[in-house]
N, C-alpha and C. Protein backbone atom coordinates (compact mmCIF):
# COMPACT_ATOMS: atom_id res chain seq x y z
N UNK A 1 -11.14 20.32 8.27
CA UNK A 1 -10.93 20.07 6.86
C UNK A 1 -9.84 21.00 6.35
N UNK A 2 -8.99 20.48 5.50
CA UNK A 2 -7.89 21.28 4.98
C UNK A 2 -8.35 22.17 3.83
N UNK A 3 -8.03 23.42 3.93
CA UNK A 3 -8.32 24.39 2.87
C UNK A 3 -7.07 24.51 2.02
N UNK A 4 -7.21 24.49 0.70
CA UNK A 4 -6.05 24.53 -0.19
C UNK A 4 -5.22 25.80 0.00
N UNK A 5 -5.83 26.86 0.51
CA UNK A 5 -5.10 28.10 0.76
C UNK A 5 -4.40 28.08 2.11
N UNK A 6 -4.72 27.09 2.91
CA UNK A 6 -4.17 26.96 4.25
C UNK A 6 -2.74 26.41 4.16
N UNK A 7 -1.84 26.98 4.93
CA UNK A 7 -0.44 26.55 4.95
C UNK A 7 -0.32 25.09 5.36
N UNK A 8 -1.17 24.63 6.27
CA UNK A 8 -1.09 23.25 6.75
C UNK A 8 -1.37 22.25 5.63
N UNK A 9 -2.18 22.63 4.64
CA UNK A 9 -2.44 21.75 3.50
C UNK A 9 -1.14 21.46 2.76
N UNK A 10 -0.36 22.50 2.48
CA UNK A 10 0.89 22.34 1.75
C UNK A 10 1.95 21.64 2.60
N UNK A 11 1.92 21.86 3.90
CA UNK A 11 2.84 21.15 4.79
C UNK A 11 2.55 19.66 4.76
N UNK A 12 1.27 19.30 4.75
CA UNK A 12 0.89 17.90 4.71
C UNK A 12 1.31 17.26 3.38
N UNK A 13 1.12 17.96 2.28
CA UNK A 13 1.55 17.45 0.97
C UNK A 13 3.06 17.24 0.97
N UNK A 14 3.79 18.19 1.52
CA UNK A 14 5.24 18.09 1.61
C UNK A 14 5.65 16.87 2.44
N UNK A 15 4.95 16.64 3.55
CA UNK A 15 5.24 15.49 4.41
C UNK A 15 4.95 14.18 3.68
N UNK A 16 3.86 14.13 2.94
CA UNK A 16 3.53 12.92 2.18
C UNK A 16 4.57 12.66 1.10
N UNK A 17 5.07 13.72 0.48
CA UNK A 17 6.12 13.56 -0.54
C UNK A 17 7.41 13.02 0.09
N UNK A 18 7.78 13.52 1.26
CA UNK A 18 8.96 13.01 1.96
C UNK A 18 8.78 11.54 2.30
N UNK A 19 7.60 11.21 2.82
CA UNK A 19 7.28 9.82 3.16
C UNK A 19 7.42 8.91 1.94
N UNK A 20 6.94 9.39 0.80
CA UNK A 20 7.00 8.61 -0.44
C UNK A 20 8.43 8.42 -0.92
N UNK A 21 9.23 9.47 -0.87
CA UNK A 21 10.63 9.38 -1.29
C UNK A 21 11.40 8.41 -0.39
N UNK A 22 11.15 8.50 0.91
CA UNK A 22 11.80 7.58 1.85
C UNK A 22 11.35 6.15 1.56
N UNK A 23 10.09 5.97 1.19
CA UNK A 23 9.60 4.64 0.83
C UNK A 23 10.33 4.06 -0.37
N UNK A 24 10.62 4.89 -1.36
CA UNK A 24 11.39 4.44 -2.53
C UNK A 24 12.81 4.05 -2.11
N UNK A 25 13.42 4.88 -1.28
CA UNK A 25 14.77 4.58 -0.78
C UNK A 25 14.78 3.26 -0.01
N UNK A 26 13.78 3.06 0.84
CA UNK A 26 13.69 1.81 1.61
C UNK A 26 13.52 0.60 0.71
N UNK A 27 12.71 0.74 -0.32
CA UNK A 27 12.51 -0.36 -1.26
C UNK A 27 13.81 -0.70 -1.98
N UNK A 28 14.53 0.32 -2.44
CA UNK A 28 15.80 0.09 -3.12
C UNK A 28 16.82 -0.55 -2.18
N UNK A 29 16.85 -0.09 -0.93
CA UNK A 29 17.75 -0.67 0.06
C UNK A 29 17.41 -2.14 0.31
N UNK A 30 16.14 -2.42 0.53
CA UNK A 30 15.70 -3.80 0.77
C UNK A 30 16.07 -4.70 -0.41
N UNK A 31 15.74 -4.25 -1.61
CA UNK A 31 16.02 -5.06 -2.80
C UNK A 31 17.52 -5.21 -3.04
N UNK A 32 18.27 -4.13 -2.81
CA UNK A 32 19.72 -4.18 -3.02
C UNK A 32 20.40 -5.15 -2.08
N UNK A 33 20.04 -5.09 -0.80
CA UNK A 33 20.63 -6.01 0.18
C UNK A 33 20.19 -7.44 -0.13
N UNK A 34 18.92 -7.63 -0.39
CA UNK A 34 18.39 -8.95 -0.70
C UNK A 34 19.12 -9.56 -1.90
N UNK A 35 19.16 -8.83 -3.01
CA UNK A 35 19.80 -9.36 -4.22
C UNK A 35 21.31 -9.52 -4.04
N UNK A 36 21.93 -8.56 -3.35
CA UNK A 36 23.37 -8.65 -3.13
C UNK A 36 23.75 -9.88 -2.32
N UNK A 37 23.05 -10.09 -1.22
CA UNK A 37 23.34 -11.26 -0.40
C UNK A 37 23.03 -12.56 -1.13
N UNK A 38 21.93 -12.58 -1.87
CA UNK A 38 21.51 -13.79 -2.57
C UNK A 38 22.44 -14.12 -3.75
N UNK A 39 22.67 -13.14 -4.62
CA UNK A 39 23.43 -13.40 -5.84
C UNK A 39 24.95 -13.36 -5.64
N UNK A 40 25.43 -12.47 -4.80
CA UNK A 40 26.88 -12.35 -4.62
C UNK A 40 27.45 -13.31 -3.59
N UNK A 41 26.66 -13.60 -2.54
CA UNK A 41 27.17 -14.42 -1.45
C UNK A 41 26.43 -15.75 -1.29
N UNK A 42 25.49 -16.04 -2.19
CA UNK A 42 24.73 -17.29 -2.18
C UNK A 42 24.05 -17.58 -0.84
N UNK A 43 23.56 -16.52 -0.21
CA UNK A 43 22.82 -16.68 1.04
C UNK A 43 21.38 -17.05 0.70
N UNK A 44 20.80 -17.91 1.49
CA UNK A 44 19.43 -18.39 1.28
C UNK A 44 18.49 -17.21 0.99
N UNK A 45 17.57 -17.41 0.03
CA UNK A 45 16.67 -16.32 -0.40
C UNK A 45 15.82 -15.76 0.74
N UNK A 46 15.36 -16.60 1.64
CA UNK A 46 14.54 -16.11 2.75
C UNK A 46 15.38 -15.34 3.77
N UNK A 47 16.59 -15.80 4.01
CA UNK A 47 17.47 -15.09 4.94
C UNK A 47 17.90 -13.76 4.34
N UNK A 48 18.27 -13.75 3.06
CA UNK A 48 18.71 -12.50 2.42
C UNK A 48 17.56 -11.50 2.36
N UNK A 49 16.34 -11.98 2.06
CA UNK A 49 15.19 -11.08 2.04
C UNK A 49 14.91 -10.53 3.44
N UNK A 50 14.97 -11.39 4.43
CA UNK A 50 14.69 -10.96 5.81
C UNK A 50 15.69 -9.90 6.27
N UNK A 51 16.97 -10.08 5.96
CA UNK A 51 17.99 -9.10 6.32
C UNK A 51 17.72 -7.78 5.60
N UNK A 52 17.43 -7.86 4.30
CA UNK A 52 17.12 -6.66 3.53
C UNK A 52 15.88 -5.95 4.04
N UNK A 53 14.85 -6.72 4.37
CA UNK A 53 13.60 -6.15 4.88
C UNK A 53 13.84 -5.46 6.22
N UNK A 54 14.58 -6.12 7.11
CA UNK A 54 14.87 -5.54 8.41
C UNK A 54 15.65 -4.22 8.26
N UNK A 55 16.66 -4.21 7.39
CA UNK A 55 17.44 -2.99 7.19
C UNK A 55 16.59 -1.88 6.56
N UNK A 56 15.69 -2.26 5.65
CA UNK A 56 14.78 -1.28 5.07
C UNK A 56 13.84 -0.70 6.11
N UNK A 57 13.35 -1.54 7.00
CA UNK A 57 12.45 -1.08 8.05
C UNK A 57 13.19 -0.19 9.05
N UNK A 58 14.42 -0.57 9.40
CA UNK A 58 15.23 0.26 10.31
C UNK A 58 15.51 1.62 9.67
N UNK A 59 15.86 1.61 8.39
CA UNK A 59 16.10 2.86 7.66
C UNK A 59 14.82 3.71 7.63
N UNK A 60 13.69 3.06 7.43
CA UNK A 60 12.41 3.77 7.40
C UNK A 60 12.15 4.46 8.74
N UNK A 61 12.41 3.75 9.83
CA UNK A 61 12.21 4.33 11.16
C UNK A 61 13.08 5.56 11.35
N UNK A 62 14.36 5.42 11.02
CA UNK A 62 15.30 6.52 11.23
C UNK A 62 14.96 7.71 10.34
N UNK A 63 14.80 7.47 9.04
CA UNK A 63 14.57 8.58 8.11
C UNK A 63 13.22 9.25 8.32
N UNK A 64 12.17 8.46 8.56
CA UNK A 64 10.85 9.06 8.79
C UNK A 64 10.81 9.83 10.11
N UNK A 65 11.50 9.32 11.13
CA UNK A 65 11.49 10.05 12.40
C UNK A 65 12.21 11.38 12.28
N UNK A 66 13.27 11.44 11.48
CA UNK A 66 14.04 12.67 11.34
C UNK A 66 13.42 13.62 10.31
N UNK A 67 13.19 13.12 9.10
CA UNK A 67 12.82 14.00 7.99
C UNK A 67 11.32 14.19 7.80
N UNK A 68 10.54 13.13 7.96
CA UNK A 68 9.11 13.24 7.67
C UNK A 68 8.34 13.79 8.86
N UNK A 69 8.55 13.20 10.03
CA UNK A 69 7.74 13.55 11.20
C UNK A 69 8.49 14.36 12.25
N UNK A 70 9.78 14.55 12.05
CA UNK A 70 10.60 15.40 12.92
C UNK A 70 10.39 15.11 14.42
N UNK A 71 10.43 13.82 14.75
CA UNK A 71 10.25 13.41 16.14
C UNK A 71 11.50 13.75 16.95
N UNK A 72 11.31 14.35 18.10
CA UNK A 72 12.43 14.75 18.94
C UNK A 72 12.97 13.60 19.79
N UNK A 73 12.16 12.59 20.03
CA UNK A 73 12.59 11.52 20.93
C UNK A 73 12.78 10.17 20.25
N UNK A 74 12.48 10.06 18.99
CA UNK A 74 12.51 8.76 18.31
C UNK A 74 13.87 8.09 18.34
N UNK A 75 14.93 8.88 18.28
CA UNK A 75 16.27 8.30 18.29
C UNK A 75 16.91 8.33 19.67
N UNK A 76 16.43 9.21 20.56
CA UNK A 76 16.98 9.30 21.90
C UNK A 76 16.46 8.17 22.79
N UNK A 77 15.19 7.86 22.66
CA UNK A 77 14.54 6.83 23.46
C UNK A 77 13.64 6.02 22.53
N UNK A 78 14.24 5.16 21.71
CA UNK A 78 13.47 4.53 20.62
C UNK A 78 12.61 3.34 21.01
N UNK A 79 12.75 2.82 22.21
CA UNK A 79 12.09 1.55 22.54
C UNK A 79 10.58 1.58 22.33
N UNK A 80 9.90 2.54 22.92
CA UNK A 80 8.45 2.64 22.81
C UNK A 80 8.02 2.93 21.36
N UNK A 81 8.68 3.88 20.73
CA UNK A 81 8.31 4.24 19.37
C UNK A 81 8.62 3.10 18.38
N UNK A 82 9.74 2.40 18.59
CA UNK A 82 10.09 1.30 17.69
C UNK A 82 9.07 0.17 17.81
N UNK A 83 8.60 -0.10 19.02
CA UNK A 83 7.57 -1.13 19.20
C UNK A 83 6.29 -0.72 18.46
N UNK A 84 5.88 0.53 18.61
CA UNK A 84 4.71 1.03 17.89
C UNK A 84 4.92 0.94 16.38
N UNK A 85 6.13 1.29 15.94
CA UNK A 85 6.48 1.24 14.52
C UNK A 85 6.32 -0.18 13.97
N UNK A 86 6.82 -1.16 14.70
CA UNK A 86 6.72 -2.56 14.27
C UNK A 86 5.26 -3.00 14.25
N UNK A 87 4.48 -2.60 15.26
CA UNK A 87 3.05 -2.95 15.29
C UNK A 87 2.33 -2.39 14.07
N UNK A 88 2.60 -1.13 13.73
CA UNK A 88 1.97 -0.53 12.55
C UNK A 88 2.38 -1.28 11.29
N UNK A 89 3.65 -1.67 11.20
CA UNK A 89 4.10 -2.41 10.02
C UNK A 89 3.44 -3.78 9.91
N UNK A 90 3.22 -4.44 11.02
CA UNK A 90 2.52 -5.73 10.99
C UNK A 90 1.06 -5.52 10.56
N UNK A 91 0.41 -4.50 11.12
CA UNK A 91 -0.98 -4.21 10.74
C UNK A 91 -1.09 -3.86 9.26
N UNK A 92 -0.15 -3.07 8.77
CA UNK A 92 -0.22 -2.68 7.35
C UNK A 92 0.04 -3.88 6.45
N UNK A 93 0.90 -4.78 6.88
CA UNK A 93 1.16 -5.99 6.11
C UNK A 93 -0.11 -6.85 6.02
N UNK A 94 -0.78 -7.03 7.14
CA UNK A 94 -2.02 -7.80 7.14
C UNK A 94 -3.11 -7.13 6.30
N UNK A 95 -3.19 -5.81 6.39
CA UNK A 95 -4.16 -5.07 5.58
C UNK A 95 -3.82 -5.20 4.10
N UNK A 96 -2.55 -5.22 3.77
CA UNK A 96 -2.14 -5.37 2.36
C UNK A 96 -2.56 -6.74 1.82
N UNK A 97 -2.40 -7.76 2.63
CA UNK A 97 -2.83 -9.10 2.20
C UNK A 97 -4.34 -9.12 1.95
N UNK A 98 -5.08 -8.53 2.87
CA UNK A 98 -6.54 -8.46 2.72
C UNK A 98 -6.92 -7.65 1.48
N UNK A 99 -6.31 -6.48 1.31
CA UNK A 99 -6.66 -5.60 0.19
C UNK A 99 -6.32 -6.25 -1.15
N UNK A 100 -5.24 -6.98 -1.18
CA UNK A 100 -4.84 -7.68 -2.41
C UNK A 100 -5.92 -8.70 -2.81
N UNK A 101 -6.37 -9.50 -1.86
CA UNK A 101 -7.42 -10.49 -2.13
C UNK A 101 -8.77 -9.82 -2.40
N UNK A 102 -9.08 -8.81 -1.61
CA UNK A 102 -10.34 -8.07 -1.78
C UNK A 102 -10.41 -7.44 -3.17
N UNK A 103 -9.33 -6.81 -3.59
CA UNK A 103 -9.28 -6.19 -4.91
C UNK A 103 -9.46 -7.21 -6.03
N UNK A 104 -8.88 -8.38 -5.86
CA UNK A 104 -9.00 -9.42 -6.87
C UNK A 104 -10.45 -9.86 -7.05
N UNK A 105 -11.18 -9.95 -5.93
CA UNK A 105 -12.58 -10.36 -5.99
C UNK A 105 -13.47 -9.24 -6.52
N UNK A 106 -13.33 -8.04 -5.96
CA UNK A 106 -14.20 -6.93 -6.32
C UNK A 106 -14.01 -6.50 -7.77
N UNK A 107 -12.75 -6.47 -8.23
CA UNK A 107 -12.47 -5.98 -9.59
C UNK A 107 -12.20 -7.11 -10.57
N UNK A 108 -12.48 -8.35 -10.16
CA UNK A 108 -12.30 -9.53 -11.02
C UNK A 108 -10.91 -9.57 -11.66
N UNK A 109 -9.88 -9.39 -10.82
CA UNK A 109 -8.51 -9.42 -11.33
C UNK A 109 -7.74 -10.63 -10.82
N UNK A 110 -8.46 -11.73 -10.53
CA UNK A 110 -7.80 -12.95 -10.09
C UNK A 110 -6.79 -13.36 -11.17
N UNK A 111 -5.61 -13.79 -10.72
CA UNK A 111 -4.58 -14.22 -11.65
C UNK A 111 -3.71 -13.08 -12.18
N UNK A 112 -4.05 -11.85 -11.83
CA UNK A 112 -3.26 -10.70 -12.27
C UNK A 112 -2.57 -10.12 -11.04
N UNK A 113 -1.53 -10.81 -10.60
CA UNK A 113 -0.87 -10.47 -9.35
C UNK A 113 -0.34 -9.04 -9.32
N UNK A 114 0.17 -8.55 -10.43
CA UNK A 114 0.72 -7.20 -10.47
C UNK A 114 -0.34 -6.15 -10.18
N UNK A 115 -1.57 -6.37 -10.63
CA UNK A 115 -2.66 -5.43 -10.35
C UNK A 115 -3.11 -5.58 -8.90
N UNK A 116 -3.27 -6.81 -8.46
CA UNK A 116 -3.71 -7.04 -7.09
C UNK A 116 -2.70 -6.52 -6.07
N UNK A 117 -1.43 -6.61 -6.40
CA UNK A 117 -0.39 -6.10 -5.50
C UNK A 117 -0.53 -4.59 -5.30
N UNK A 118 -0.99 -3.89 -6.31
CA UNK A 118 -1.18 -2.44 -6.17
C UNK A 118 -2.21 -2.11 -5.09
N UNK A 119 -3.27 -2.90 -5.02
CA UNK A 119 -4.26 -2.70 -3.96
C UNK A 119 -3.61 -2.84 -2.59
N UNK A 120 -2.78 -3.87 -2.45
CA UNK A 120 -2.09 -4.11 -1.20
C UNK A 120 -1.11 -3.00 -0.85
N UNK A 121 -0.36 -2.54 -1.83
CA UNK A 121 0.62 -1.48 -1.60
C UNK A 121 -0.07 -0.20 -1.15
N UNK A 122 -1.15 0.15 -1.81
CA UNK A 122 -1.87 1.38 -1.44
C UNK A 122 -2.41 1.27 -0.02
N UNK A 123 -3.02 0.14 0.30
CA UNK A 123 -3.56 -0.05 1.66
C UNK A 123 -2.45 0.05 2.70
N UNK A 124 -1.33 -0.61 2.44
CA UNK A 124 -0.22 -0.60 3.40
C UNK A 124 0.33 0.81 3.60
N UNK A 125 0.48 1.55 2.52
CA UNK A 125 1.06 2.89 2.65
C UNK A 125 0.13 3.86 3.37
N UNK A 126 -1.16 3.74 3.15
CA UNK A 126 -2.11 4.60 3.86
C UNK A 126 -2.05 4.30 5.36
N UNK A 127 -2.06 3.02 5.71
CA UNK A 127 -2.00 2.64 7.12
C UNK A 127 -0.67 3.04 7.74
N UNK A 128 0.43 2.81 7.02
CA UNK A 128 1.74 3.21 7.54
C UNK A 128 1.79 4.72 7.79
N UNK A 129 1.40 5.50 6.82
CA UNK A 129 1.49 6.95 6.96
C UNK A 129 0.65 7.45 8.13
N UNK A 130 -0.61 7.03 8.17
CA UNK A 130 -1.49 7.48 9.26
C UNK A 130 -1.03 6.96 10.62
N UNK A 131 -0.60 5.71 10.65
CA UNK A 131 -0.12 5.13 11.90
C UNK A 131 1.13 5.83 12.41
N UNK A 132 2.06 6.10 11.51
CA UNK A 132 3.28 6.80 11.91
C UNK A 132 2.95 8.21 12.39
N UNK A 133 2.11 8.89 11.63
CA UNK A 133 1.80 10.28 11.93
C UNK A 133 1.02 10.41 13.25
N UNK A 134 -0.01 9.59 13.41
CA UNK A 134 -0.92 9.75 14.54
C UNK A 134 -0.48 9.01 15.81
N UNK A 135 0.27 7.92 15.65
CA UNK A 135 0.56 7.11 16.82
C UNK A 135 2.06 6.99 17.11
N UNK A 136 2.85 6.65 16.11
CA UNK A 136 4.27 6.40 16.34
C UNK A 136 5.04 7.69 16.61
N UNK A 137 4.96 8.63 15.69
CA UNK A 137 5.74 9.86 15.79
C UNK A 137 4.88 11.07 16.12
N UNK A 138 3.62 10.85 16.47
CA UNK A 138 2.70 11.96 16.72
C UNK A 138 3.18 12.90 17.80
N UNK A 139 2.90 14.18 17.63
CA UNK A 139 3.32 15.21 18.57
C UNK A 139 2.71 15.03 19.95
N UNK A 140 1.57 14.37 20.03
CA UNK A 140 0.88 14.23 21.30
C UNK A 140 1.30 12.97 22.05
N UNK A 141 2.31 12.28 21.51
CA UNK A 141 2.82 11.08 22.16
C UNK A 141 3.40 11.44 23.52
N UNK A 142 3.17 10.61 24.52
CA UNK A 142 3.60 10.92 25.88
C UNK A 142 5.11 11.03 26.00
N UNK A 143 5.88 10.28 25.17
CA UNK A 143 7.32 10.37 25.33
C UNK A 143 7.92 11.51 24.52
N UNK A 144 7.10 12.31 23.81
CA UNK A 144 7.60 13.50 23.13
C UNK A 144 7.45 14.73 24.01
N UNK A 145 6.70 14.62 25.09
CA UNK A 145 6.50 15.77 25.95
C UNK A 145 7.72 15.93 26.86
N UNK A 146 8.22 17.13 26.90
CA UNK A 146 9.40 17.35 27.74
C UNK A 146 9.20 18.55 28.63
């Protein structure tokens, strides 16, 4: 258990803050590319969103591996970590869909998409953070041992 006087507690808070800031940057990147391609170049909305989403996810991998989790091998040998990263993102997406519907039923917020989306976002971010920390960029990962 983390003690508030323990240095590791503050390190974890700092890591969560970095993760959150990178998440905002990724969202802005995704939306910027999506809107730019759609409105400026008349590219199909699904194609423009997919390109923006992919670039946001790639940016997330790079920035989180360097700044948030300080992985030594994520950029040198990315194949294994990138596969894990994509798996975590798929799981968090599915959890977000479930949480969105679950929240609507439990809190009687059917028809209030903006509220239900918050349930999904929170679920996705918790899964992403823990998955990245413990599995994707974790210090005990076999490809981080040198």
